[in-house]
């Protein structure tokens, strides 16, 4: 097990860090976020399985994308709709609120070897993959200020968790990013065939 690499994960509204580690059985990412402002911020990091909006929340899940030439991105974002597949419901992750002195903490675990994952194209028994070499890990988070133009309501079916459904103008989405170079190449599985990466 490698020791976590702490990388700044910040912008003008949020300050935080992300820790990356490559373990024998999985990739592990932990992050902490705090608001720099007084306004409520909603981080879309409560990712769910399934593409029809009713999937089960998984606190360790992230979308996985290989980015040429050698980056593996772990994403907790509002995924864009697929171009070549019709879906009836867009998949928007639930959100954690950070406000005042609150801290948002998150954890991601991806089994090794990591495989590309997009919930609009769930893996099937006959899905094809090719092996690629990764030299860098990239964490990407989406968040949105409330600022009077978005609406946030608690997730009633998960009342024991502080999660919100947030509706608002997607053009107001903001992105946080942290990158970590690896000491040695990591093998990953890039999805081939009918698939669109996030």
N, C-alpha and C. Protein backbone atom coordinates (compact mmCIF):
# COMPACT_ATOMS: atom_id res chain seq x y z
N UNK A 1 0.85 -1.19 0.00
CA UNK A 1 0.00 0.00 0.00
C UNK A 1 0.88 1.24 0.00
N UNK A 2 0.56 2.19 -0.88
CA UNK A 2 1.33 3.43 -0.94
C UNK A 2 0.70 4.47 -0.03
N UNK A 3 1.51 5.42 0.42
CA UNK A 3 0.98 6.48 1.27
C UNK A 3 0.25 7.49 0.40
N UNK A 4 -0.85 8.08 0.92
CA UNK A 4 -1.63 9.02 0.12
C UNK A 4 -0.82 10.25 -0.28
N UNK A 5 -1.07 10.74 -1.48
CA UNK A 5 -0.49 11.99 -1.95
C UNK A 5 -1.54 13.07 -1.77
N UNK A 6 -1.27 14.07 -0.95
CA UNK A 6 -2.22 15.15 -0.72
C UNK A 6 -2.02 16.25 -1.76
N UNK A 7 -3.08 16.52 -2.48
CA UNK A 7 -3.04 17.49 -3.58
C UNK A 7 -4.10 18.55 -3.31
N UNK A 8 -3.79 19.84 -3.54
CA UNK A 8 -4.83 20.87 -3.38
C UNK A 8 -6.02 20.62 -4.31
N UNK A 9 -7.21 20.85 -3.77
CA UNK A 9 -8.46 20.69 -4.52
C UNK A 9 -9.30 21.92 -4.21
N UNK A 10 -9.00 23.03 -4.88
CA UNK A 10 -9.52 24.33 -4.45
C UNK A 10 -9.80 25.24 -5.63
N UNK A 11 -10.66 26.22 -5.38
CA UNK A 11 -10.86 27.35 -6.28
C UNK A 11 -11.25 28.55 -5.43
N UNK A 12 -11.89 29.56 -6.03
CA UNK A 12 -12.19 30.77 -5.26
C UNK A 12 -13.34 30.58 -4.27
N UNK A 13 -14.15 29.52 -4.41
CA UNK A 13 -15.27 29.29 -3.50
C UNK A 13 -15.04 28.13 -2.53
N UNK A 14 -14.14 27.22 -2.88
CA UNK A 14 -13.91 26.02 -2.08
C UNK A 14 -12.42 25.84 -1.84
N UNK A 15 -12.07 25.41 -0.61
CA UNK A 15 -10.71 24.99 -0.34
C UNK A 15 -10.75 23.54 0.13
N UNK A 16 -9.74 22.77 -0.29
CA UNK A 16 -9.73 21.38 0.11
C UNK A 16 -8.48 20.67 -0.37
N UNK A 17 -8.43 19.38 -0.06
CA UNK A 17 -7.32 18.53 -0.48
C UNK A 17 -7.87 17.19 -0.92
N UNK A 18 -7.09 16.51 -1.74
CA UNK A 18 -7.40 15.14 -2.15
C UNK A 18 -6.17 14.28 -1.91
N UNK A 19 -6.39 13.08 -1.42
CA UNK A 19 -5.31 12.13 -1.19
C UNK A 19 -5.48 10.92 -2.07
N UNK A 20 -4.45 10.61 -2.86
CA UNK A 20 -4.48 9.49 -3.80
C UNK A 20 -3.57 8.38 -3.31
N UNK A 21 -4.01 7.14 -3.41
CA UNK A 21 -3.11 6.02 -3.13
C UNK A 21 -3.48 4.85 -4.03
N UNK A 22 -2.46 4.09 -4.42
CA UNK A 22 -2.64 2.89 -5.23
C UNK A 22 -2.35 1.70 -4.32
N UNK A 23 -3.37 0.90 -4.06
CA UNK A 23 -3.22 -0.25 -3.19
C UNK A 23 -3.27 -1.53 -4.03
N UNK A 24 -3.00 -2.64 -3.40
CA UNK A 24 -2.87 -3.89 -4.15
C UNK A 24 -4.16 -4.26 -4.87
N UNK A 25 -5.30 -4.02 -4.23
CA UNK A 25 -6.57 -4.46 -4.79
C UNK A 25 -7.42 -3.33 -5.37
N UNK A 26 -7.02 -2.07 -5.13
CA UNK A 26 -7.87 -0.98 -5.59
C UNK A 26 -7.13 0.36 -5.57
N UNK A 27 -7.74 1.33 -6.27
CA UNK A 27 -7.34 2.73 -6.15
C UNK A 27 -8.17 3.35 -5.04
N UNK A 28 -7.55 4.26 -4.30
CA UNK A 28 -8.25 4.86 -3.17
C UNK A 28 -8.03 6.38 -3.22
N UNK A 29 -9.11 7.12 -3.14
CA UNK A 29 -9.05 8.58 -3.11
C UNK A 29 -9.91 9.07 -1.96
N UNK A 30 -9.36 9.96 -1.16
CA UNK A 30 -10.13 10.64 -0.11
C UNK A 30 -9.99 12.14 -0.32
N UNK A 31 -11.06 12.87 -0.05
CA UNK A 31 -10.99 14.33 -0.19
C UNK A 31 -11.80 15.01 0.91
N UNK A 32 -11.39 16.25 1.19
CA UNK A 32 -12.09 17.11 2.14
C UNK A 32 -12.28 18.47 1.50
N UNK A 33 -13.46 19.03 1.70
CA UNK A 33 -13.79 20.33 1.12
C UNK A 33 -14.41 21.22 2.17
N UNK A 34 -14.08 22.52 2.12
CA UNK A 34 -14.73 23.53 2.96
C UNK A 34 -15.04 24.74 2.10
N UNK A 35 -16.11 25.43 2.46
CA UNK A 35 -16.51 26.61 1.71
C UNK A 35 -15.66 27.81 2.11
N UNK A 36 -15.28 28.60 1.13
CA UNK A 36 -14.59 29.87 1.40
C UNK A 36 -15.59 31.01 1.56
N UNK A 37 -16.86 30.75 1.19
CA UNK A 37 -17.85 31.82 1.21
C UNK A 37 -18.97 31.47 2.19
N UNK A 38 -19.89 32.38 2.38
CA UNK A 38 -21.01 32.14 3.28
C UNK A 38 -22.19 31.48 2.61
N UNK A 39 -22.16 31.39 1.29
CA UNK A 39 -23.32 30.85 0.59
C UNK A 39 -23.28 29.32 0.55
N UNK A 40 -24.45 28.67 0.55
CA UNK A 40 -24.48 27.21 0.46
C UNK A 40 -23.92 26.74 -0.89
N UNK A 41 -23.13 25.69 -0.83
CA UNK A 41 -22.58 25.06 -2.02
C UNK A 41 -22.99 23.60 -2.02
N UNK A 42 -23.30 23.06 -3.19
CA UNK A 42 -23.76 21.68 -3.29
C UNK A 42 -22.81 20.91 -4.21
N UNK A 43 -22.20 19.87 -3.65
CA UNK A 43 -21.22 19.05 -4.36
C UNK A 43 -21.92 17.80 -4.87
N UNK A 44 -21.90 17.58 -6.17
CA UNK A 44 -22.60 16.45 -6.79
C UNK A 44 -21.73 15.19 -6.72
N UNK A 45 -21.51 14.72 -5.51
CA UNK A 45 -20.58 13.59 -5.35
C UNK A 45 -21.24 12.33 -4.81
N UNK A 46 -22.57 12.31 -4.70
CA UNK A 46 -23.28 11.12 -4.24
C UNK A 46 -23.77 10.35 -5.46
N UNK A 47 -22.85 9.60 -6.05
CA UNK A 47 -23.07 8.93 -7.32
C UNK A 47 -23.90 7.66 -7.11
N UNK A 48 -24.75 7.36 -8.11
CA UNK A 48 -25.62 6.19 -8.04
C UNK A 48 -25.38 5.27 -9.23
N UNK A 49 -25.63 3.97 -9.00
CA UNK A 49 -25.64 3.00 -10.10
C UNK A 49 -26.91 3.22 -10.92
N UNK A 50 -26.86 2.86 -12.19
CA UNK A 50 -28.07 2.88 -13.01
C UNK A 50 -28.26 4.18 -13.74
N UNK A 51 -28.82 4.08 -14.95
CA UNK A 51 -28.94 5.25 -15.82
C UNK A 51 -30.33 5.86 -15.85
N UNK A 52 -31.27 5.31 -15.11
CA UNK A 52 -32.63 5.82 -15.19
C UNK A 52 -33.04 6.62 -13.96
N UNK A 53 -32.06 7.04 -13.16
CA UNK A 53 -32.35 7.92 -12.05
C UNK A 53 -32.81 7.25 -10.78
N UNK A 54 -32.98 5.93 -10.80
CA UNK A 54 -33.47 5.24 -9.61
C UNK A 54 -32.42 4.30 -9.03
N UNK A 55 -31.19 4.43 -9.47
CA UNK A 55 -30.14 3.52 -9.02
C UNK A 55 -29.78 3.72 -7.57
N UNK A 56 -29.12 2.72 -7.01
CA UNK A 56 -28.74 2.74 -5.61
C UNK A 56 -27.51 3.61 -5.38
N UNK A 57 -27.58 4.43 -4.34
CA UNK A 57 -26.45 5.28 -3.97
C UNK A 57 -25.31 4.41 -3.45
N UNK A 58 -24.10 4.70 -3.92
CA UNK A 58 -22.90 3.97 -3.51
C UNK A 58 -21.86 5.00 -3.09
N UNK A 59 -21.54 5.05 -1.81
CA UNK A 59 -20.67 6.11 -1.31
C UNK A 59 -19.23 5.98 -1.80
N UNK A 60 -18.86 4.86 -2.42
CA UNK A 60 -17.49 4.66 -2.91
C UNK A 60 -17.39 4.75 -4.43
N UNK A 61 -18.50 4.95 -5.10
CA UNK A 61 -18.54 4.89 -6.57
C UNK A 61 -18.08 6.19 -7.22
N UNK A 62 -17.44 6.05 -8.37
CA UNK A 62 -17.10 7.19 -9.23
C UNK A 62 -17.18 6.74 -10.67
N UNK A 63 -17.41 7.68 -11.56
CA UNK A 63 -17.31 7.38 -12.98
C UNK A 63 -15.83 7.33 -13.35
N UNK A 64 -15.46 6.44 -14.25
CA UNK A 64 -14.05 6.23 -14.59
C UNK A 64 -13.87 6.42 -16.08
N UNK A 65 -12.89 7.27 -16.45
CA UNK A 65 -12.62 7.59 -17.85
C UNK A 65 -11.13 7.56 -18.12
N UNK A 66 -10.74 6.86 -19.17
CA UNK A 66 -9.35 6.92 -19.63
C UNK A 66 -9.22 8.10 -20.57
N UNK A 67 -8.20 8.95 -20.32
CA UNK A 67 -7.95 10.12 -21.15
C UNK A 67 -6.55 9.98 -21.74
N UNK A 68 -6.48 9.84 -23.05
CA UNK A 68 -5.19 9.68 -23.72
C UNK A 68 -4.32 10.92 -23.47
N UNK A 69 -2.99 10.75 -23.32
CA UNK A 69 -2.32 9.48 -23.58
C UNK A 69 -2.22 8.55 -22.39
N UNK A 70 -2.30 9.02 -21.14
CA UNK A 70 -2.02 8.11 -20.03
C UNK A 70 -2.62 8.58 -18.70
N UNK A 71 -3.85 9.14 -18.74
CA UNK A 71 -4.50 9.63 -17.52
C UNK A 71 -5.77 8.83 -17.26
N UNK A 72 -5.99 8.47 -15.99
CA UNK A 72 -7.25 7.85 -15.58
C UNK A 72 -7.98 8.84 -14.70
N UNK A 73 -9.17 9.26 -15.16
CA UNK A 73 -9.96 10.24 -14.43
C UNK A 73 -11.04 9.55 -13.62
N UNK A 74 -11.12 9.90 -12.35
CA UNK A 74 -12.17 9.44 -11.45
C UNK A 74 -13.10 10.63 -11.24
N UNK A 75 -14.35 10.50 -11.69
CA UNK A 75 -15.23 11.66 -11.77
C UNK A 75 -16.49 11.47 -10.93
N UNK A 76 -16.80 12.51 -10.18
CA UNK A 76 -18.09 12.63 -9.53
C UNK A 76 -18.69 13.94 -10.06
N UNK A 77 -19.40 13.79 -11.16
CA UNK A 77 -19.87 14.93 -11.93
C UNK A 77 -21.30 14.67 -12.37
N UNK A 78 -21.94 15.69 -12.93
CA UNK A 78 -23.22 15.52 -13.61
C UNK A 78 -22.88 15.08 -15.04
N UNK A 79 -23.07 13.80 -15.36
CA UNK A 79 -22.61 13.32 -16.67
C UNK A 79 -23.47 13.87 -17.80
N UNK A 80 -22.81 14.19 -18.88
CA UNK A 80 -23.56 14.66 -20.06
C UNK A 80 -24.36 13.49 -20.63
N UNK A 81 -25.47 13.81 -21.28
CA UNK A 81 -26.29 12.79 -21.90
C UNK A 81 -25.53 12.15 -23.06
N UNK A 82 -25.72 10.86 -23.28
CA UNK A 82 -25.02 10.21 -24.40
C UNK A 82 -25.52 10.72 -25.74
N UNK A 83 -24.61 10.73 -26.70
CA UNK A 83 -24.96 11.18 -28.06
C UNK A 83 -25.63 10.08 -28.86
N UNK A 84 -25.23 8.84 -28.62
CA UNK A 84 -25.64 7.73 -29.49
C UNK A 84 -26.55 6.73 -28.79
N UNK A 85 -27.21 7.18 -27.73
CA UNK A 85 -28.14 6.32 -27.02
C UNK A 85 -29.24 7.20 -26.46
N UNK A 86 -30.49 6.76 -26.58
CA UNK A 86 -31.62 7.52 -26.07
C UNK A 86 -31.91 7.09 -24.64
N UNK A 87 -32.00 8.07 -23.74
CA UNK A 87 -32.36 7.79 -22.36
C UNK A 87 -33.58 8.62 -21.99
N UNK A 88 -34.40 8.09 -21.08
CA UNK A 88 -35.63 8.79 -20.72
C UNK A 88 -35.45 9.71 -19.53
N UNK A 89 -34.44 9.44 -18.70
CA UNK A 89 -34.19 10.26 -17.51
C UNK A 89 -32.70 10.55 -17.43
N UNK A 90 -32.35 11.82 -17.23
CA UNK A 90 -30.95 12.16 -17.05
C UNK A 90 -30.50 11.77 -15.65
N UNK A 91 -29.25 11.36 -15.53
CA UNK A 91 -28.72 10.88 -14.26
C UNK A 91 -27.95 12.00 -13.58
N UNK A 92 -28.52 12.54 -12.53
CA UNK A 92 -27.88 13.61 -11.76
C UNK A 92 -27.56 13.06 -10.37
N UNK A 93 -26.30 13.03 -9.97
CA UNK A 93 -25.98 12.54 -8.62
C UNK A 93 -26.67 13.38 -7.55
N UNK A 94 -26.91 12.77 -6.40
CA UNK A 94 -27.32 13.55 -5.24
C UNK A 94 -26.15 14.43 -4.81
N UNK A 95 -26.43 15.42 -3.98
CA UNK A 95 -25.39 16.38 -3.60
C UNK A 95 -25.27 16.48 -2.08
N UNK A 96 -24.04 16.74 -1.64
CA UNK A 96 -23.78 17.11 -0.25
C UNK A 96 -23.71 18.64 -0.16
N UNK A 97 -24.23 19.17 0.92
CA UNK A 97 -24.18 20.62 1.14
C UNK A 97 -22.97 20.97 2.00
N UNK A 98 -22.28 22.03 1.62
CA UNK A 98 -21.28 22.61 2.51
C UNK A 98 -21.61 24.09 2.67
N UNK A 99 -21.58 24.52 3.93
CA UNK A 99 -21.94 25.90 4.25
C UNK A 99 -21.25 26.28 5.55
N UNK A 100 -20.84 27.51 5.64
CA UNK A 100 -20.18 27.96 6.86
C UNK A 100 -18.91 27.17 7.13
N UNK A 101 -18.80 26.58 8.33
CA UNK A 101 -17.62 25.82 8.71
C UNK A 101 -17.76 24.32 8.47
N UNK A 102 -18.83 23.92 7.78
CA UNK A 102 -19.02 22.50 7.50
C UNK A 102 -17.90 21.98 6.60
N UNK A 103 -17.58 20.70 6.77
CA UNK A 103 -16.62 20.02 5.91
C UNK A 103 -17.31 18.88 5.18
N UNK A 104 -17.08 18.79 3.89
CA UNK A 104 -17.58 17.67 3.09
C UNK A 104 -16.42 16.70 2.89
N UNK A 105 -16.63 15.45 3.25
CA UNK A 105 -15.61 14.43 3.08
C UNK A 105 -16.12 13.37 2.12
N UNK A 106 -15.25 12.89 1.26
CA UNK A 106 -15.64 11.86 0.32
C UNK A 106 -14.56 10.83 0.16
N UNK A 107 -14.97 9.65 -0.28
CA UNK A 107 -14.04 8.54 -0.47
C UNK A 107 -14.42 7.78 -1.74
N UNK A 108 -13.43 7.40 -2.51
CA UNK A 108 -13.63 6.63 -3.74
C UNK A 108 -12.75 5.39 -3.67
N UNK A 109 -13.32 4.25 -4.05
CA UNK A 109 -12.54 3.01 -4.20
C UNK A 109 -12.90 2.39 -5.53
N UNK A 110 -11.88 2.14 -6.34
CA UNK A 110 -12.07 1.52 -7.65
C UNK A 110 -11.22 0.25 -7.68
N UNK A 111 -11.86 -0.88 -7.94
CA UNK A 111 -11.15 -2.16 -7.94
C UNK A 111 -10.09 -2.20 -9.04
N UNK A 112 -8.99 -2.89 -8.75
CA UNK A 112 -7.93 -3.07 -9.73
C UNK A 112 -8.13 -4.38 -10.49
N UNK A 113 -7.84 -4.36 -11.80
CA UNK A 113 -7.45 -3.19 -12.58
C UNK A 113 -8.67 -2.30 -12.83
N UNK A 114 -8.52 -0.98 -12.73
CA UNK A 114 -9.66 -0.09 -12.94
C UNK A 114 -10.19 -0.18 -14.36
N UNK A 115 -11.51 -0.14 -14.49
CA UNK A 115 -12.17 -0.23 -15.79
C UNK A 115 -13.00 1.01 -16.03
N UNK A 116 -13.06 1.46 -17.28
CA UNK A 116 -13.91 2.60 -17.61
C UNK A 116 -15.36 2.31 -17.22
N UNK A 117 -16.03 3.34 -16.69
CA UNK A 117 -17.41 3.16 -16.25
C UNK A 117 -18.23 4.40 -16.55
N UNK A 118 -19.34 4.19 -17.25
CA UNK A 118 -20.35 5.20 -17.52
C UNK A 118 -21.69 4.54 -17.26
N UNK A 119 -22.51 5.04 -16.33
CA UNK A 119 -23.76 4.35 -15.99
C UNK A 119 -24.76 4.28 -17.14
N UNK A 120 -24.61 5.15 -18.14
CA UNK A 120 -25.48 5.07 -19.31
C UNK A 120 -25.10 3.87 -20.19
N UNK A 121 -23.92 3.31 -19.98
CA UNK A 121 -23.45 2.14 -20.72
C UNK A 121 -22.93 1.12 -19.71
N UNK A 122 -23.83 0.51 -18.92
CA UNK A 122 -23.37 -0.39 -17.86
C UNK A 122 -22.61 -1.59 -18.44
N UNK A 123 -21.65 -2.10 -17.69
CA UNK A 123 -20.89 -3.25 -18.19
C UNK A 123 -21.79 -4.47 -18.35
N UNK A 124 -21.57 -5.19 -19.42
CA UNK A 124 -22.30 -6.42 -19.71
C UNK A 124 -21.31 -7.59 -19.74
N UNK A 125 -21.80 -8.82 -19.64
CA UNK A 125 -20.88 -9.98 -19.70
C UNK A 125 -20.03 -10.02 -20.95
N UNK A 126 -20.55 -9.47 -22.07
CA UNK A 126 -19.79 -9.52 -23.32
C UNK A 126 -19.10 -8.18 -23.65
N UNK A 127 -19.02 -7.26 -22.68
CA UNK A 127 -18.33 -5.99 -22.92
C UNK A 127 -16.86 -6.24 -23.21
N UNK A 128 -16.31 -5.48 -24.15
CA UNK A 128 -14.92 -5.64 -24.54
C UNK A 128 -14.06 -4.53 -23.95
N UNK A 129 -12.82 -4.88 -23.61
CA UNK A 129 -11.87 -3.93 -23.04
C UNK A 129 -10.50 -4.16 -23.67
N UNK A 130 -9.69 -3.10 -23.67
CA UNK A 130 -8.29 -3.22 -24.02
C UNK A 130 -7.45 -2.70 -22.85
N UNK A 131 -6.27 -3.26 -22.68
CA UNK A 131 -5.40 -2.85 -21.58
C UNK A 131 -4.61 -1.61 -21.98
N UNK A 132 -4.59 -0.62 -21.11
CA UNK A 132 -3.85 0.62 -21.35
C UNK A 132 -2.96 0.89 -20.14
N UNK A 133 -1.98 1.75 -20.33
CA UNK A 133 -1.05 2.10 -19.26
C UNK A 133 -1.36 3.52 -18.77
N UNK A 134 -1.45 3.67 -17.44
CA UNK A 134 -1.80 4.95 -16.82
C UNK A 134 -0.60 5.48 -16.05
N UNK A 135 -0.31 6.76 -16.22
CA UNK A 135 0.79 7.42 -15.51
C UNK A 135 0.31 8.53 -14.58
N UNK A 136 -0.98 8.84 -14.65
CA UNK A 136 -1.52 9.95 -13.86
C UNK A 136 -2.96 9.65 -13.46
N UNK A 137 -3.33 10.03 -12.23
CA UNK A 137 -4.72 9.97 -11.77
C UNK A 137 -5.27 11.38 -11.68
N UNK A 138 -6.54 11.52 -12.02
CA UNK A 138 -7.19 12.83 -12.03
C UNK A 138 -8.54 12.71 -11.33
N UNK A 139 -8.78 13.53 -10.32
CA UNK A 139 -10.07 13.59 -9.64
C UNK A 139 -10.81 14.82 -10.13
N UNK A 140 -12.09 14.64 -10.50
CA UNK A 140 -12.92 15.76 -10.96
C UNK A 140 -14.24 15.73 -10.18
N UNK A 141 -14.61 16.86 -9.59
CA UNK A 141 -15.87 17.01 -8.87
C UNK A 141 -16.65 18.18 -9.47
N UNK A 142 -17.97 18.01 -9.56
CA UNK A 142 -18.87 19.10 -9.95
C UNK A 142 -19.56 19.65 -8.70
N UNK A 143 -19.74 20.97 -8.67
CA UNK A 143 -20.54 21.57 -7.60
C UNK A 143 -21.25 22.80 -8.13
N UNK A 144 -22.20 23.31 -7.33
CA UNK A 144 -22.99 24.46 -7.75
C UNK A 144 -23.32 25.33 -6.54
N UNK A 145 -23.14 26.64 -6.65
CA UNK A 145 -23.66 27.54 -5.59
C UNK A 145 -25.18 27.60 -5.70
N UNK A 146 -25.86 27.72 -4.57
CA UNK A 146 -27.31 27.84 -4.61
C UNK A 146 -27.70 29.21 -5.15
N UNK A 147 -27.27 30.26 -4.48
CA UNK A 147 -27.35 31.64 -4.98
C UNK A 147 -28.71 32.03 -5.56
N UNK A 148 -29.79 31.46 -5.03
CA UNK A 148 -31.12 31.92 -5.42
C UNK A 148 -31.62 31.43 -6.75
N UNK A 149 -30.81 30.74 -7.54
CA UNK A 149 -31.27 30.32 -8.86
C UNK A 149 -31.30 28.80 -8.99
N UNK A 150 -30.98 28.11 -7.92
CA UNK A 150 -31.09 26.65 -7.89
C UNK A 150 -32.00 26.27 -6.74
N UNK A 151 -32.49 25.05 -6.77
CA UNK A 151 -33.39 24.57 -5.74
C UNK A 151 -32.84 23.27 -5.18
N UNK A 152 -32.76 23.16 -3.86
CA UNK A 152 -32.24 21.96 -3.21
C UNK A 152 -33.28 21.41 -2.24
N UNK A 153 -33.60 20.13 -2.36
CA UNK A 153 -34.54 19.48 -1.46
C UNK A 153 -33.90 18.20 -0.92
N UNK A 154 -34.12 17.90 0.37
CA UNK A 154 -33.55 16.67 0.94
C UNK A 154 -34.06 15.43 0.21
N UNK A 155 -33.21 14.41 0.13
CA UNK A 155 -33.57 13.14 -0.49
C UNK A 155 -34.37 12.34 0.54
N UNK A 156 -35.69 12.27 0.35
CA UNK A 156 -36.56 11.69 1.38
C UNK A 156 -36.30 10.20 1.59
N UNK A 157 -35.97 9.46 0.52
CA UNK A 157 -35.77 8.02 0.66
C UNK A 157 -34.45 7.68 1.35
N UNK A 158 -33.59 8.68 1.50
CA UNK A 158 -32.33 8.49 2.22
C UNK A 158 -32.26 9.53 3.35
N UNK A 159 -33.33 9.61 4.12
CA UNK A 159 -33.45 10.65 5.13
C UNK A 159 -32.36 10.56 6.20
N UNK A 160 -31.76 9.38 6.36
CA UNK A 160 -30.70 9.22 7.36
C UNK A 160 -29.37 9.79 6.89
N UNK A 161 -29.30 10.23 5.62
CA UNK A 161 -28.08 10.80 5.06
C UNK A 161 -28.33 12.26 4.68
N UNK A 162 -27.32 13.13 4.82
CA UNK A 162 -27.50 14.55 4.49
C UNK A 162 -27.32 14.80 2.99
N UNK A 163 -28.24 14.26 2.19
CA UNK A 163 -28.14 14.36 0.73
C UNK A 163 -29.29 15.19 0.18
N UNK A 164 -29.02 15.88 -0.94
CA UNK A 164 -30.00 16.76 -1.55
C UNK A 164 -30.14 16.47 -3.04
N UNK A 165 -31.36 16.69 -3.53
CA UNK A 165 -31.59 16.78 -4.97
C UNK A 165 -31.48 18.25 -5.33
N UNK A 166 -30.65 18.56 -6.30
CA UNK A 166 -30.45 19.95 -6.69
C UNK A 166 -30.88 20.14 -8.13
N UNK A 167 -31.71 21.13 -8.36
CA UNK A 167 -32.13 21.50 -9.71
C UNK A 167 -31.69 22.93 -9.96
N UNK A 168 -31.13 23.16 -11.14
CA UNK A 168 -30.67 24.49 -11.49
C UNK A 168 -30.09 24.50 -12.88
N UNK A 169 -29.60 25.64 -13.27
CA UNK A 169 -29.02 25.82 -14.60
C UNK A 169 -27.67 25.12 -14.66
N UNK A 170 -27.55 24.13 -15.55
CA UNK A 170 -26.29 23.37 -15.63
C UNK A 170 -25.12 24.25 -16.03
N UNK A 171 -25.41 25.43 -16.61
CA UNK A 171 -24.31 26.34 -16.98
C UNK A 171 -23.64 26.92 -15.75
N UNK A 172 -24.29 26.78 -14.58
CA UNK A 172 -23.69 27.28 -13.34
C UNK A 172 -22.82 26.24 -12.64
N UNK A 173 -22.74 25.04 -13.21
CA UNK A 173 -21.87 24.03 -12.63
C UNK A 173 -20.43 24.49 -12.63
N UNK A 174 -19.74 24.21 -11.54
CA UNK A 174 -18.32 24.52 -11.43
C UNK A 174 -17.56 23.22 -11.21
N UNK A 175 -16.29 23.21 -11.58
CA UNK A 175 -15.51 21.99 -11.53
C UNK A 175 -14.29 22.17 -10.63
N UNK A 176 -14.03 21.15 -9.82
CA UNK A 176 -12.80 21.07 -9.04
C UNK A 176 -11.97 19.93 -9.59
N UNK A 177 -10.64 20.09 -9.58
CA UNK A 177 -9.78 19.08 -10.17
C UNK A 177 -8.47 18.98 -9.40
N UNK A 178 -8.01 17.74 -9.23
CA UNK A 178 -6.69 17.48 -8.66
C UNK A 178 -6.05 16.35 -9.45
N UNK A 179 -4.73 16.45 -9.65
CA UNK A 179 -4.00 15.44 -10.43
C UNK A 179 -2.83 14.91 -9.61
N UNK A 180 -2.53 13.62 -9.80
CA UNK A 180 -1.41 12.99 -9.11
C UNK A 180 -0.66 12.09 -10.08
N UNK A 181 0.64 12.36 -10.26
CA UNK A 181 1.48 11.50 -11.07
C UNK A 181 1.81 10.23 -10.31
N UNK A 182 1.89 9.11 -11.01
CA UNK A 182 2.19 7.83 -10.39
C UNK A 182 3.69 7.55 -10.44
N UNK A 183 4.17 6.82 -9.46
CA UNK A 183 5.59 6.45 -9.42
C UNK A 183 5.93 5.41 -10.48
N UNK A 184 4.95 4.58 -10.82
CA UNK A 184 5.16 3.57 -11.86
C UNK A 184 3.85 3.38 -12.62
N UNK A 185 3.92 2.89 -13.84
CA UNK A 185 2.70 2.74 -14.65
C UNK A 185 1.69 1.80 -13.99
N UNK A 186 0.42 2.11 -14.20
CA UNK A 186 -0.68 1.32 -13.71
C UNK A 186 -1.47 0.80 -14.90
N UNK A 187 -1.80 -0.49 -14.90
CA UNK A 187 -2.62 -1.05 -15.96
C UNK A 187 -4.09 -0.76 -15.68
N UNK A 188 -4.81 -0.37 -16.73
CA UNK A 188 -6.25 -0.12 -16.63
C UNK A 188 -6.94 -0.73 -17.83
N UNK A 189 -8.28 -0.80 -17.76
CA UNK A 189 -9.05 -1.39 -18.85
C UNK A 189 -9.91 -0.31 -19.51
N UNK A 190 -9.61 -0.08 -20.79
CA UNK A 190 -10.36 0.90 -21.58
C UNK A 190 -11.47 0.18 -22.32
N UNK A 191 -12.69 0.67 -22.16
CA UNK A 191 -13.87 0.04 -22.79
C UNK A 191 -13.83 0.29 -24.28
N UNK A 192 -14.12 -0.74 -25.06
CA UNK A 192 -14.22 -0.62 -26.52
C UNK A 192 -15.65 -0.98 -26.94
N UNK A 193 -15.89 -0.91 -28.23
CA UNK A 193 -17.23 -1.22 -28.72
C UNK A 193 -18.17 -0.04 -28.52
N UNK A 194 -19.45 -0.33 -28.31
CA UNK A 194 -20.46 0.73 -28.17
C UNK A 194 -20.38 1.29 -26.77
N UNK A 195 -19.72 2.43 -26.66
CA UNK A 195 -19.48 3.03 -25.36
C UNK A 195 -19.08 4.49 -25.55
N UNK A 196 -19.56 5.34 -24.64
CA UNK A 196 -19.13 6.74 -24.62
C UNK A 196 -18.55 7.04 -23.25
N UNK A 197 -17.35 7.52 -23.21
CA UNK A 197 -16.74 7.88 -21.93
C UNK A 197 -17.32 9.18 -21.41
N UNK A 198 -17.34 9.33 -20.10
CA UNK A 198 -17.81 10.58 -19.49
C UNK A 198 -16.67 11.59 -19.50
